Amino acid sequence: MPKRDPFKYFHSSPEIIRLAVMLYVRFPLSLRNVEDLLHERGVDVSHETVRFWWQRFGPMFASEIRKKRADRLRSWPQWQWHLDEMFVKINGERHYLWRAVDHEGEVLESYVTKTRDKKAALKFLRKSMKRHGRPHVLVTDQLRSYGAAMKDIGNAHRQETGRWLNNRAEGTVKVNRLEAGRAVL
């Protein structure tokens, strides 16, 4: 089945829509400022149109940027992940938030489970690797579930554990909107 064109029924070109959305997202501009900048370039759209484009195409553009960034980082020879899990309470119940953080501190993937065992670690690792590819090095804490899951996957030789090696993942405790939106039970 061919992929649908997301810009099919819009009268503006995809380049104009991308420019408007990226101006709004990248720079500290209001919707009316973006409207004025586009008007100076000869594009007559209202601020409501820019808001609609941002809501409609913003997530699509963000995923494209994330994908390009991951492809670029994958080619870097020292691409490494820091894996961590933490306790969170959801509706009074204890759950575990598993996170994969790259070497720059960017949260790649997050996953919420009710258990903290090999099965949960294996599911998290498979999901992360399917989405972002295999890293060259996986830095973890000394939870034994990681080692058992990595033996099943076949990359136990890439795991590094140590007392302070996983500080990159420990420092990303702040849950932002993006991470909370991708967490799946």
C-alpha atoms as a PDB file:
ATOM      1  CA  MET A   1       0.000   0.000   0.000  1.00  0.00           C
ATOM      2  CA  PRO A   2       1.573   3.328  -1.016  1.00  0.00           C
ATOM      3  CA  LYS A   3       2.198   5.909   1.676  1.00  0.00           C
ATOM      4  CA  ARG A   4      -0.345   8.742   1.668  1.00  0.00           C
ATOM      5  CA  ASP A   5       0.830  12.266   0.979  1.00  0.00           C
ATOM      6  CA  PRO A   6       0.134  14.273   4.179  1.00  0.00           C
ATOM      7  CA  PHE A   7       0.039  17.539   2.195  1.00  0.00           C
ATOM      8  CA  LYS A   8      -2.499  16.310  -0.385  1.00  0.00           C
ATOM      9  CA  TYR A   9      -5.457  18.614   0.304  1.00  0.00           C
ATOM     10  CA  PHE A  10      -3.508  21.724   1.319  1.00  0.00           C
ATOM     11  CA  HIS A  11      -3.271  24.655  -1.078  1.00  0.00           C
ATOM     12  CA  SER A  12       0.147  25.746   0.203  1.00  0.00           C
ATOM     13  CA  SER A  13       3.293  23.933  -0.831  1.00  0.00           C
ATOM     14  CA  PRO A  14       4.987  21.532   1.605  1.00  0.00           C
ATOM     15  CA  GLU A  15       8.030  23.849   1.691  1.00  0.00           C
ATOM     16  CA  ILE A  16       5.916  26.774   2.957  1.00  0.00           C
ATOM     17  CA  ILE A  17       4.247  24.588   5.590  1.00  0.00           C
ATOM     18  CA  ARG A  18       7.622  23.226   6.742  1.00  0.00           C
ATOM     19  CA  LEU A  19       9.083  26.745   6.895  1.00  0.00           C
ATOM     20  CA  ALA A  20       6.179  28.061   8.980  1.00  0.00           C
ATOM     21  CA  VAL A  21       6.273  25.152  11.422  1.00  0.00           C
ATOM     22  CA  MET A  22      10.060  25.235  11.784  1.00  0.00           C
ATOM     23  CA  LEU A  23      10.062  29.014  12.344  1.00  0.00           C
ATOM     24  CA  TYR A  24       7.511  28.600  15.111  1.00  0.00           C
ATOM     25  CA  VAL A  25       9.271  25.649  16.741  1.00  0.00           C
ATOM     26  CA  ARG A  26      12.911  26.646  16.327  1.00  0.00           C
ATOM     27  CA  PHE A  27      12.793  30.337  17.250  1.00  0.00           C
ATOM     28  CA  PRO A  28      10.984  32.071  20.141  1.00  0.00           C
ATOM     29  CA  LEU A  29       8.320  33.549  17.875  1.00  0.00           C
ATOM     30  CA  SER A  30       4.606  33.881  18.407  1.00  0.00           C
ATOM     31  CA  LEU A  31       2.123  32.668  15.808  1.00  0.00           C
ATOM     32  CA  ARG A  32       1.506  36.259  14.755  1.00  0.00           C
ATOM     33  CA  ASN A  33       5.259  36.851  14.341  1.00  0.00           C
ATOM     34  CA  VAL A  34       5.467  33.832  12.040  1.00  0.00           C
ATOM     35  CA  GLU A  35       2.460  35.188  10.135  1.00  0.00           C
ATOM     36  CA  ASP A  36       4.283  38.530   9.698  1.00  0.00           C
ATOM     37  CA  LEU A  37       7.527  36.883   8.570  1.00  0.00           C
ATOM     38  CA  LEU A  38       5.670  34.818   5.976  1.00  0.00           C
ATOM     39  CA  HIS A  39       3.764  37.907   4.834  1.00  0.00           C
ATOM     40  CA  GLU A  40       7.115  39.669   4.225  1.00  0.00           C
ATOM     41  CA  ARG A  41       8.067  36.753   1.967  1.00  0.00           C
ATOM     42  CA  GLY A  42       4.813  37.075   0.029  1.00  0.00           C
ATOM     43  CA  VAL A  43       2.903  34.242   1.703  1.00  0.00           C
ATOM     44  CA  ASP A  44      -0.494  35.339   2.985  1.00  0.00           C
ATOM     45  CA  VAL A  45      -1.624  33.010   5.802  1.00  0.00           C
ATOM     46  CA  SER A  46      -3.245  33.714   9.152  1.00  0.00           C
ATOM     47  CA  HIS A  47      -1.830  32.825  12.553  1.00  0.00           C
ATOM     48  CA  GLU A  48      -4.607  30.245  12.941  1.00  0.00           C
ATOM     49  CA  THR A  49      -3.369  28.489   9.815  1.00  0.00           C
ATOM     50  CA  VAL A  50       0.147  28.394  11.249  1.00  0.00           C
ATOM     51  CA  ARG A  51      -1.260  26.934  14.492  1.00  0.00           C
ATOM     52  CA  PHE A  52      -3.181  24.279  12.569  1.00  0.00           C
ATOM     53  CA  TRP A  53      -0.071  23.369  10.560  1.00  0.00           C
ATOM     54  CA  TRP A  54       1.971  23.171  13.744  1.00  0.00           C
ATOM     55  CA  GLN A  55      -0.531  20.802  15.374  1.00  0.00           C
ATOM     56  CA  ARG A  56      -0.933  18.711  12.241  1.00  0.00           C
ATOM     57  CA  PHE A  57       2.654  18.482  10.947  1.00  0.00           C
ATOM     58  CA  GLY A  58       4.767  19.260  14.023  1.00  0.00           C
ATOM     59  CA  PRO A  59       4.947  15.644  15.264  1.00  0.00           C
ATOM     60  CA  MET A  60       5.740  14.409  11.743  1.00  0.00           C
ATOM     61  CA  PHE A  61       8.610  16.888  11.355  1.00  0.00           C
ATOM     62  CA  ALA A  62       9.888  16.067  14.849  1.00  0.00           C
ATOM     63  CA  SER A  63       9.998  12.336  14.069  1.00  0.00           C
ATOM     64  CA  GLU A  64      11.880  13.051  10.822  1.00  0.00           C
ATOM     65  CA  ILE A  65      14.443  15.126  12.709  1.00  0.00           C
ATOM     66  CA  ARG A  66      14.795  12.421  15.373  1.00  0.00           C
ATOM     67  CA  LYS A  67      15.253   9.737  12.727  1.00  0.00           C
ATOM     68  CA  LYS A  68      17.895  11.739  10.835  1.00  0.00           C
ATOM     69  CA  ARG A  69      19.704  12.473  14.084  1.00  0.00           C
ATOM     70  CA  ALA A  70      19.721   8.802  15.063  1.00  0.00           C
ATOM     71  CA  ASP A  71      21.024   7.809  11.619  1.00  0.00           C
ATOM     72  CA  ARG A  72      23.802  10.371  11.944  1.00  0.00           C
ATOM     73  CA  LEU A  73      24.710   9.196  15.445  1.00  0.00           C
ATOM     74  CA  ARG A  74      24.645   5.521  14.444  1.00  0.00           C
ATOM     75  CA  SER A  75      27.482   6.148  12.040  1.00  0.00           C
ATOM     76  CA  TRP A  76      29.587   7.636  14.851  1.00  0.00           C
ATOM     77  CA  PRO A  77      32.007   4.924  16.025  1.00  0.00           C
ATOM     78  CA  GLN A  78      31.478   5.486  19.738  1.00  0.00           C
ATOM     79  CA  TRP A  79      27.664   5.520  19.804  1.00  0.00           C
ATOM     80  CA  GLN A  80      26.691   4.229  23.208  1.00  0.00           C
ATOM     81  CA  TRP A  81      23.532   3.927  25.228  1.00  0.00           C
ATOM     82  CA  HIS A  82      23.061   4.266  28.947  1.00  0.00           C
ATOM     83  CA  LEU A  83      20.198   2.100  30.223  1.00  0.00           C
ATOM     84  CA  ASP A  84      18.435   2.713  33.497  1.00  0.00           C
ATOM     85  CA  GLU A  85      15.238   1.816  35.288  1.00  0.00           C
ATOM     86  CA  MET A  86      13.488   3.622  38.087  1.00  0.00           C
ATOM     87  CA  PHE A  87      10.427   3.210  40.286  1.00  0.00           C
ATOM     88  CA  VAL A  88       7.386   5.343  39.508  1.00  0.00           C
ATOM     89  CA  LYS A  89       3.943   5.336  41.078  1.00  0.00           C
ATOM     90  CA  ILE A  90       0.978   5.396  38.724  1.00  0.00           C
ATOM     91  CA  ASN A  91      -2.422   5.514  40.431  1.00  0.00           C
ATOM     92  CA  GLY A  92      -0.825   4.339  43.667  1.00  0.00           C
ATOM     93  CA  GLU A  93       0.768   1.238  42.067  1.00  0.00           C
ATOM     94  CA  ARG A  94       4.498   0.712  41.676  1.00  0.00           C
ATOM     95  CA  HIS A  95       5.696   0.515  38.081  1.00  0.00           C
ATOM     96  CA  TYR A  96       9.151   0.598  36.515  1.00  0.00           C
ATOM     97  CA  LEU A  97      10.223   3.200  33.981  1.00  0.00           C
ATOM     98  CA  TRP A  98      12.973   1.844  31.715  1.00  0.00           C
ATOM     99  CA  ARG A  99      14.984   4.475  29.808  1.00  0.00           C
ATOM    100  CA  ALA A 100      17.640   4.445  27.103  1.00  0.00           C
ATOM    101  CA  VAL A 101      19.801   7.579  26.934  1.00  0.00           C
ATOM    102  CA  ASP A 102      22.440   8.213  24.261  1.00  0.00           C
ATOM    103  CA  HIS A 103      25.963   9.502  24.924  1.00  0.00           C
ATOM    104  CA  GLU A 104      24.763  13.120  24.604  1.00  0.00           C
ATOM    105  CA  GLY A 105      22.060  12.741  27.263  1.00  0.00           C
ATOM    106  CA  GLU A 106      19.115  12.607  24.838  1.00  0.00           C
ATOM    107  CA  VAL A 107      16.365  10.201  25.940  1.00  0.00           C
ATOM    108  CA  LEU A 108      15.988   7.724  23.077  1.00  0.00           C
ATOM    109  CA  GLU A 109      13.292   5.465  24.435  1.00  0.00           C
ATOM    110  CA  SER A 110      11.209   4.996  27.556  1.00  0.00           C
ATOM    111  CA  TYR A 111       9.000   2.104  28.529  1.00  0.00           C
ATOM    112  CA  VAL A 112       6.801   1.407  31.566  1.00  0.00           C
ATOM    113  CA  THR A 113       6.314  -2.115  32.955  1.00  0.00           C
ATOM    114  CA  LYS A 114       4.866  -3.660  36.088  1.00  0.00           C
ATOM    115  CA  THR A 115       7.809  -6.034  36.531  1.00  0.00           C
ATOM    116  CA  ARG A 116      11.566  -5.641  36.694  1.00  0.00           C
ATOM    117  CA  ASP A 117      12.753  -8.935  35.302  1.00  0.00           C
ATOM    118  CA  LYS A 118      14.431 -10.463  32.260  1.00  0.00           C
ATOM    119  CA  LYS A 119      11.222 -10.496  30.230  1.00  0.00           C
ATOM    120  CA  ALA A 120      10.655  -6.757  30.730  1.00  0.00           C
ATOM    121  CA  ALA A 121      14.303  -5.921  29.992  1.00  0.00           C
ATOM    122  CA  LEU A 122      14.213  -8.070  26.858  1.00  0.00           C
ATOM    123  CA  LYS A 123      11.059  -6.392  25.574  1.00  0.00           C
ATOM    124  CA  PHE A 124      12.523  -2.938  26.272  1.00  0.00           C
ATOM    125  CA  LEU A 125      15.828  -3.747  24.543  1.00  0.00           C
ATOM    126  CA  ARG A 126      14.134  -5.254  21.481  1.00  0.00           C
ATOM    127  CA  LYS A 127      11.820  -2.270  21.150  1.00  0.00           C
ATOM    128  CA  SER A 128      14.684   0.198  21.507  1.00  0.00           C
ATOM    129  CA  MET A 129      16.959  -1.612  19.076  1.00  0.00           C
ATOM    130  CA  LYS A 130      14.211  -1.990  16.513  1.00  0.00           C
ATOM    131  CA  ARG A 131      13.601   1.743  16.605  1.00  0.00           C
ATOM    132  CA  HIS A 132      17.166   3.065  16.933  1.00  0.00           C
ATOM    133  CA  GLY A 133      19.470   0.259  15.743  1.00  0.00           C
ATOM    134  CA  ARG A 134      22.188  -1.490  17.709  1.00  0.00           C
ATOM    135  CA  PRO A 135      24.575   0.665  19.727  1.00  0.00           C
ATOM    136  CA  HIS A 136      28.286  -0.057  19.911  1.00  0.00           C
ATOM    137  CA  VAL A 137      28.310  -0.030  23.726  1.00  0.00           C
ATOM    138  CA  LEU A 138      25.518  -0.495  26.293  1.00  0.00           C
ATOM    139  CA  VAL A 139      26.295   1.000  29.700  1.00  0.00           C
ATOM    140  CA  THR A 140      24.043  -0.345  32.452  1.00  0.00           C
ATOM    141  CA  ASP A 141      23.868  -0.544  36.195  1.00  0.00           C
ATOM    142  CA  GLN A 142      24.450  -3.945  37.743  1.00  0.00           C
ATOM    143  CA  LEU A 143      20.876  -5.213  37.441  1.00  0.00           C
ATOM    144  CA  ARG A 144      21.132  -8.862  36.393  1.00  0.00           C
ATOM    145  CA  SER A 145      18.078  -8.635  34.133  1.00  0.00           C
ATOM    146  CA  TYR A 146      20.112  -6.620  31.608  1.00  0.00           C
ATOM    147  CA  GLY A 147      22.809  -9.285  31.327  1.00  0.00           C
ATOM    148  CA  ALA A 148      20.285 -12.097  30.933  1.00  0.00           C
ATOM    149  CA  ALA A 149      18.336 -10.175  28.277  1.00  0.00           C
ATOM    150  CA  MET A 150      21.498  -9.270  26.385  1.00  0.00           C
ATOM    151  CA  LYS A 151      22.584 -12.909  26.313  1.00  0.00           C
ATOM    152  CA  ASP A 152      19.278 -13.749  24.603  1.00  0.00           C
ATOM    153  CA  ILE A 153      19.724 -10.960  22.073  1.00  0.00           C
ATOM    154  CA  GLY A 154      23.362 -11.845  21.503  1.00  0.00           C
ATOM    155  CA  ASN A 155      25.140  -8.655  22.467  1.00  0.00           C
ATOM    156  CA  ALA A 156      26.351  -9.446  25.972  1.00  0.00           C
ATOM    157  CA  HIS A 157      29.893  -8.582  24.855  1.00  0.00           C
ATOM    158  CA  ARG A 158      28.791  -4.957  24.336  1.00  0.00           C
ATOM    159  CA  GLN A 159      27.601  -4.438  27.915  1.00  0.00           C
ATOM    160  CA  GLU A 160      29.656  -2.326  30.303  1.00  0.00           C
ATOM    161  CA  THR A 161      28.834  -2.067  33.984  1.00  0.00           C
ATOM    162  CA  GLY A 162      30.547  -0.052  36.631  1.00  0.00           C
ATOM    163  CA  ARG A 163      29.982   1.967  39.714  1.00  0.00           C
ATOM    164  CA  TRP A 164      29.792   5.430  38.110  1.00  0.00           C
ATOM    165  CA  LEU A 165      29.586   4.601  34.412  1.00  0.00           C
ATOM    166  CA  ASN A 166      25.810   5.028  34.242  1.00  0.00           C
ATOM    167  CA  ASN A 167      25.647   8.599  35.556  1.00  0.00           C
ATOM    168  CA  ARG A 168      24.470   9.845  32.137  1.00  0.00           C
ATOM    169  CA  ALA A 169      21.220   7.886  32.516  1.00  0.00           C
ATOM    170  CA  GLU A 170      20.834   8.693  36.192  1.00  0.00           C
ATOM    171  CA  GLY A 171      20.931  12.412  35.414  1.00  0.00           C
ATOM    172  CA  THR A 172      17.920  12.288  33.093  1.00  0.00           C
ATOM    173  CA  VAL A 173      15.326  11.652  35.769  1.00  0.00           C
ATOM    174  CA  LYS A 174      13.244  14.630  34.646  1.00  0.00           C
ATOM    175  CA  VAL A 175      10.225  13.266  32.765  1.00  0.00           C
ATOM    176  CA  ASN A 176       9.263  15.603  29.961  1.00  0.00           C
ATOM    177  CA  ARG A 177       6.182  15.628  27.749  1.00  0.00           C
ATOM    178  CA  LEU A 178       7.862  13.667  24.974  1.00  0.00           C
ATOM    179  CA  GLU A 179       9.002  10.893  27.294  1.00  0.00           C
ATOM    180  CA  ALA A 180       5.633  10.698  29.048  1.00  0.00           C
ATOM    181  CA  GLY A 181       3.872  10.504  25.678  1.00  0.00           C
ATOM    182  CA  ARG A 182       5.931   7.530  24.515  1.00  0.00           C
ATOM    183  CA  ALA A 183       5.630   5.532  27.728  1.00  0.00           C
ATOM    184  CA  VAL A 184       3.477   2.490  27.022  1.00  0.00           C
ATOM    185  CA  LEU A 185       1.989   0.001  29.476  1.00  0.00           C
END
